[in-house]
Amino acid sequence: MKKVMFLMAVAGMFAFAACNNTPAEEEVIDTVATEEMVEETVDTTAAEAVEAVAEECVAE
């Protein structure tokens, strides 16, 4: 009796695993090649500060 119940449990696992095994629908994404224009802003305050310090050192 234990063997039969074990086999029924195994068969039940396979039965439930077989339910709803349809593949998921893949999303169709329209990809259009787009180029993004990015403007880079350079912070020159640090460079100007270093340059000012260097000029002060040269002046002394």
Protein backbone atom coordinates (compact mmCIF):
# COMPACT_ATOMS: atom_id res chain seq x y z
CA MET A 1 0.00 0.00 0.00
CA LYS A 2 2.87 2.39 0.75
CA LYS A 3 4.35 1.76 -2.68
CA VAL A 4 1.06 2.52 -4.38
CA MET A 5 0.60 5.75 -2.43
CA PHE A 6 4.19 6.77 -3.24
CA LEU A 7 3.63 6.12 -6.94
CA MET A 8 0.35 8.06 -6.84
CA ALA A 9 2.14 10.99 -5.20
CA VAL A 10 4.88 10.93 -7.84
CA ALA A 11 2.28 10.71 -10.61
CA GLY A 12 0.43 13.64 -9.02
CA MET A 13 3.61 15.73 -9.01
CA PHE A 14 4.12 15.09 -12.71
CA ALA A 15 0.46 15.85 -13.41
CA PHE A 16 0.62 19.20 -11.62
CA ALA A 17 3.95 20.02 -13.23
CA ALA A 18 2.44 19.42 -16.66
CA CYS A 19 -0.41 21.86 -16.03
CA ASN A 20 -0.10 25.30 -17.57
CA ASN A 21 3.17 24.65 -19.36
CA THR A 22 2.34 26.96 -22.25
CA PRO A 23 5.30 29.19 -23.07
CA ALA A 24 5.01 32.80 -22.02
CA GLU A 25 4.29 35.28 -24.75
CA GLU A 26 7.35 37.25 -25.65
CA GLU A 27 6.98 40.99 -25.71
CA VAL A 28 7.64 42.53 -29.08
CA ILE A 29 9.63 45.68 -28.61
CA ASP A 30 10.12 47.97 -31.54
CA THR A 31 13.69 49.10 -31.32
CA VAL A 32 14.65 52.01 -33.47
CA ALA A 33 18.27 53.02 -33.58
CA THR A 34 18.40 56.31 -31.78
CA GLU A 35 21.50 58.25 -30.96
CA GLU A 36 21.47 60.30 -27.85
CA MET A 37 23.20 63.64 -27.97
CA VAL A 38 24.91 64.38 -24.69
CA GLU A 39 26.57 67.67 -23.98
CA GLU A 40 29.44 67.47 -21.57
CA THR A 41 30.01 70.45 -19.36
CA VAL A 42 33.47 70.77 -17.94
CA ASP A 43 33.83 72.48 -14.60
CA THR A 44 36.86 74.71 -15.05
CA THR A 45 36.74 76.40 -11.65
CA ALA A 46 39.13 73.88 -10.13
CA ALA A 47 41.60 74.29 -13.00
CA GLU A 48 41.39 78.05 -12.73
CA ALA A 49 41.99 77.91 -8.97
CA VAL A 50 45.09 75.76 -9.43
CA GLU A 51 46.32 78.12 -12.12
CA ALA A 52 45.80 81.13 -9.84
CA VAL A 53 47.73 79.46 -7.02
CA ALA A 54 50.54 78.60 -9.41
CA GLU A 55 50.72 82.20 -10.61
CA GLU A 56 50.86 83.42 -7.01
CA CYS A 57 53.76 81.06 -6.28
CA VAL A 58 55.62 82.25 -9.35
CA ALA A 59 55.01 85.90 -8.43
CA GLU A 60 56.52 85.43 -4.98
